[in-house]
Amino acid sequence: MNPNIQQKIINVCDEKIAKKGPNVGLSFYAFFANKNDNPELLMEVAKWWILTHKLDHFEKATKIKAMVQSEIQ
């Protein structure tokens, strides 16, 4: 994934964890606005989430954050 969306995913995970605790779950839609204004980026994240990692619809934010951070390093 491109670095901009990786950072956005980390930021959104941090926000959700801060508000609702470490067990909060989210879907890949959490990283996008309610309108589909960037379908290419949405599909990039969906592919990473569904095809590459075979994740469930909802996953713990802590898990997603750790996965994305591991790909950055």
N, C-alpha and C. Protein backbone atom coordinates (compact mmCIF):
# COMPACT_ATOMS: atom_id res chain seq x y z
N MET A 1 0.84 -1.19 0.00
CA MET A 1 0.00 0.00 0.00
C MET A 1 0.87 1.24 0.00
N ASN A 2 0.31 2.30 -0.51
CA ASN A 2 1.10 3.53 -0.56
C ASN A 2 1.25 4.12 0.84
N PRO A 3 2.34 4.84 1.06
CA PRO A 3 2.65 5.37 2.40
C PRO A 3 1.57 6.28 2.98
N ASN A 4 0.88 7.04 2.15
CA ASN A 4 -0.15 7.94 2.67
C ASN A 4 -1.30 7.18 3.32
N ILE A 5 -1.77 6.12 2.66
CA ILE A 5 -2.88 5.36 3.24
C ILE A 5 -2.39 4.54 4.43
N GLN A 6 -1.15 4.09 4.41
CA GLN A 6 -0.61 3.38 5.57
C GLN A 6 -0.64 4.29 6.81
N GLN A 7 -0.21 5.52 6.64
CA GLN A 7 -0.21 6.45 7.77
C GLN A 7 -1.62 6.77 8.22
N LYS A 8 -2.54 6.92 7.26
CA LYS A 8 -3.93 7.19 7.62
C LYS A 8 -4.51 6.02 8.41
N ILE A 9 -4.22 4.80 8.00
CA ILE A 9 -4.70 3.62 8.72
C ILE A 9 -4.19 3.62 10.15
N ILE A 10 -2.91 3.89 10.33
CA ILE A 10 -2.32 3.95 11.67
C ILE A 10 -3.01 5.03 12.50
N ASN A 11 -3.21 6.20 11.91
CA ASN A 11 -3.86 7.31 12.64
C ASN A 11 -5.28 6.97 13.05
N VAL A 12 -6.04 6.37 12.13
CA VAL A 12 -7.43 6.01 12.43
C VAL A 12 -7.45 4.94 13.52
N CYS A 13 -6.56 3.97 13.44
CA CYS A 13 -6.49 2.93 14.48
C CYS A 13 -6.18 3.57 15.83
N ASP A 14 -5.21 4.48 15.85
CA ASP A 14 -4.87 5.16 17.10
C ASP A 14 -6.07 5.91 17.68
N GLU A 15 -6.82 6.61 16.83
CA GLU A 15 -7.99 7.36 17.28
C GLU A 15 -9.06 6.42 17.85
N LYS A 16 -9.33 5.34 17.15
CA LYS A 16 -10.35 4.39 17.60
C LYS A 16 -9.94 3.73 18.92
N ILE A 17 -8.67 3.35 19.03
CA ILE A 17 -8.17 2.73 20.26
C ILE A 17 -8.26 3.71 21.42
N ALA A 18 -7.90 4.96 21.17
CA ALA A 18 -7.95 5.98 22.24
C ALA A 18 -9.38 6.21 22.71
N LYS A 19 -10.34 6.17 21.80
CA LYS A 19 -11.74 6.43 22.15
C LYS A 19 -12.45 5.23 22.76
N LYS A 20 -12.15 4.03 22.24
CA LYS A 20 -12.96 2.86 22.62
C LYS A 20 -12.16 1.73 23.25
N GLY A 21 -10.86 1.89 23.37
CA GLY A 21 -10.05 0.86 24.01
C GLY A 21 -9.41 -0.11 23.03
N PRO A 22 -8.53 -0.97 23.55
CA PRO A 22 -7.73 -1.86 22.69
C PRO A 22 -8.51 -2.99 22.02
N ASN A 23 -9.74 -3.22 22.43
CA ASN A 23 -10.52 -4.30 21.82
C ASN A 23 -11.44 -3.81 20.71
N VAL A 24 -11.35 -2.54 20.36
CA VAL A 24 -12.23 -1.99 19.33
C VAL A 24 -11.94 -2.64 17.98
N GLY A 25 -13.02 -2.95 17.28
CA GLY A 25 -12.90 -3.52 15.94
C GLY A 25 -13.25 -2.49 14.89
N LEU A 26 -12.75 -2.72 13.69
CA LEU A 26 -13.08 -1.84 12.58
C LEU A 26 -12.97 -2.60 11.27
N SER A 27 -13.58 -2.04 10.24
CA SER A 27 -13.48 -2.61 8.91
C SER A 27 -12.64 -1.67 8.06
N PHE A 28 -12.29 -2.09 6.87
CA PHE A 28 -11.47 -1.23 6.02
C PHE A 28 -12.21 0.02 5.58
N TYR A 29 -13.52 0.03 5.71
CA TYR A 29 -14.29 1.22 5.39
C TYR A 29 -14.02 2.36 6.36
N ALA A 30 -13.48 2.06 7.53
CA ALA A 30 -13.21 3.08 8.55
C ALA A 30 -12.19 4.11 8.07
N PHE A 31 -11.45 3.79 7.03
CA PHE A 31 -10.39 4.68 6.55
C PHE A 31 -10.86 5.61 5.44
N PHE A 32 -12.15 5.56 5.13
CA PHE A 32 -12.68 6.33 4.01
C PHE A 32 -13.93 7.10 4.43
N ALA A 33 -14.21 8.16 3.69
CA ALA A 33 -15.44 8.94 3.90
C ALA A 33 -16.63 8.11 3.44
N ASN A 34 -17.82 8.53 3.82
CA ASN A 34 -19.02 7.79 3.43
C ASN A 34 -19.28 7.78 1.94
N LYS A 35 -18.66 8.70 1.21
CA LYS A 35 -18.84 8.68 -0.23
C LYS A 35 -17.58 8.10 -0.88
N ASN A 36 -17.77 7.45 -1.97
CA ASN A 36 -16.68 6.76 -2.65
C ASN A 36 -15.97 7.74 -3.59
N ASP A 37 -15.12 8.60 -3.00
CA ASP A 37 -14.47 9.63 -3.80
C ASP A 37 -13.08 9.21 -4.31
N ASN A 38 -12.62 8.02 -3.90
CA ASN A 38 -11.34 7.52 -4.39
C ASN A 38 -11.43 6.01 -4.54
N PRO A 39 -12.13 5.53 -5.57
CA PRO A 39 -12.37 4.09 -5.71
C PRO A 39 -11.09 3.28 -5.88
N GLU A 40 -10.07 3.84 -6.51
CA GLU A 40 -8.81 3.11 -6.69
C GLU A 40 -8.15 2.82 -5.35
N LEU A 41 -8.13 3.82 -4.48
CA LEU A 41 -7.52 3.63 -3.17
C LEU A 41 -8.35 2.68 -2.31
N LEU A 42 -9.67 2.81 -2.39
CA LEU A 42 -10.55 1.90 -1.67
C LEU A 42 -10.28 0.46 -2.10
N MET A 43 -10.14 0.23 -3.39
CA MET A 43 -9.87 -1.12 -3.89
C MET A 43 -8.48 -1.61 -3.47
N GLU A 44 -7.52 -0.71 -3.41
CA GLU A 44 -6.18 -1.09 -2.96
C GLU A 44 -6.23 -1.61 -1.52
N VAL A 45 -6.93 -0.89 -0.67
CA VAL A 45 -7.04 -1.31 0.74
C VAL A 45 -7.89 -2.56 0.84
N ALA A 46 -8.97 -2.65 0.08
CA ALA A 46 -9.83 -3.85 0.10
C ALA A 46 -9.03 -5.08 -0.33
N LYS A 47 -8.22 -4.94 -1.35
CA LYS A 47 -7.39 -6.06 -1.82
C LYS A 47 -6.43 -6.49 -0.72
N TRP A 48 -5.77 -5.52 -0.07
CA TRP A 48 -4.85 -5.82 1.02
C TRP A 48 -5.57 -6.55 2.13
N TRP A 49 -6.77 -6.08 2.49
CA TRP A 49 -7.54 -6.60 3.60
C TRP A 49 -8.13 -7.98 3.28
N ILE A 50 -8.78 -8.09 2.13
CA ILE A 50 -9.55 -9.29 1.81
C ILE A 50 -8.73 -10.35 1.09
N LEU A 51 -8.06 -9.97 0.02
CA LEU A 51 -7.36 -10.97 -0.78
C LEU A 51 -5.99 -11.32 -0.23
N THR A 52 -5.21 -10.31 0.15
CA THR A 52 -3.85 -10.57 0.60
C THR A 52 -3.82 -11.22 1.98
N HIS A 53 -4.59 -10.66 2.92
CA HIS A 53 -4.50 -11.13 4.31
C HIS A 53 -5.70 -11.96 4.76
N LYS A 54 -6.74 -12.04 3.91
CA LYS A 54 -7.93 -12.85 4.21
C LYS A 54 -8.52 -12.54 5.59
N LEU A 55 -8.63 -11.25 5.87
CA LEU A 55 -9.15 -10.79 7.15
C LEU A 55 -10.67 -10.83 7.16
N ASP A 56 -11.24 -10.95 8.36
CA ASP A 56 -12.69 -10.87 8.52
C ASP A 56 -13.14 -9.43 8.27
N HIS A 57 -14.45 -9.25 8.16
CA HIS A 57 -14.96 -7.89 7.91
C HIS A 57 -14.53 -6.94 9.01
N PHE A 58 -14.65 -7.36 10.28
CA PHE A 58 -14.20 -6.55 11.40
C PHE A 58 -12.99 -7.22 12.04
N GLU A 59 -11.96 -6.41 12.29
CA GLU A 59 -10.75 -6.87 12.95
C GLU A 59 -10.38 -5.86 14.03
N LYS A 60 -9.62 -6.29 15.00
CA LYS A 60 -9.18 -5.38 16.06
C LYS A 60 -8.25 -4.32 15.47
N ALA A 61 -8.46 -3.10 15.90
CA ALA A 61 -7.63 -1.99 15.42
C ALA A 61 -6.16 -2.22 15.77
N THR A 62 -5.91 -2.82 16.93
CA THR A 62 -4.51 -3.07 17.33
C THR A 62 -3.84 -4.03 16.36
N LYS A 63 -4.57 -5.02 15.88
CA LYS A 63 -4.03 -5.99 14.92
C LYS A 63 -3.71 -5.32 13.59
N ILE A 64 -4.65 -4.52 13.09
CA ILE A 64 -4.46 -3.85 11.81
C ILE A 64 -3.28 -2.88 11.90
N LYS A 65 -3.21 -2.12 12.97
CA LYS A 65 -2.11 -1.17 13.14
C LYS A 65 -0.76 -1.91 13.12
N ALA A 66 -0.67 -3.00 13.85
CA ALA A 66 0.58 -3.77 13.90
C ALA A 66 0.94 -4.34 12.53
N MET A 67 -0.05 -4.80 11.80
CA MET A 67 0.21 -5.35 10.46
C MET A 67 0.76 -4.27 9.53
N VAL A 68 0.13 -3.11 9.55
CA VAL A 68 0.57 -2.01 8.66
C VAL A 68 1.96 -1.54 9.07
N GLN A 69 2.19 -1.40 10.37
CA GLN A 69 3.52 -0.96 10.82
C GLN A 69 4.61 -1.95 10.44
N SER A 70 4.30 -3.24 10.45
CA SER A 70 5.29 -4.24 10.08
C SER A 70 5.67 -4.15 8.60
N GLU A 71 4.74 -3.67 7.79
CA GLU A 71 5.02 -3.52 6.36
C GLU A 71 5.82 -2.27 6.06
N ILE A 72 5.76 -1.29 6.96
CA ILE A 72 6.51 -0.04 6.76
C ILE A 72 7.98 -0.27 7.03
N GLN A 73 8.28 -1.06 8.04
CA GLN A 73 9.66 -1.26 8.47
C GLN A 73 10.33 -2.27 7.65
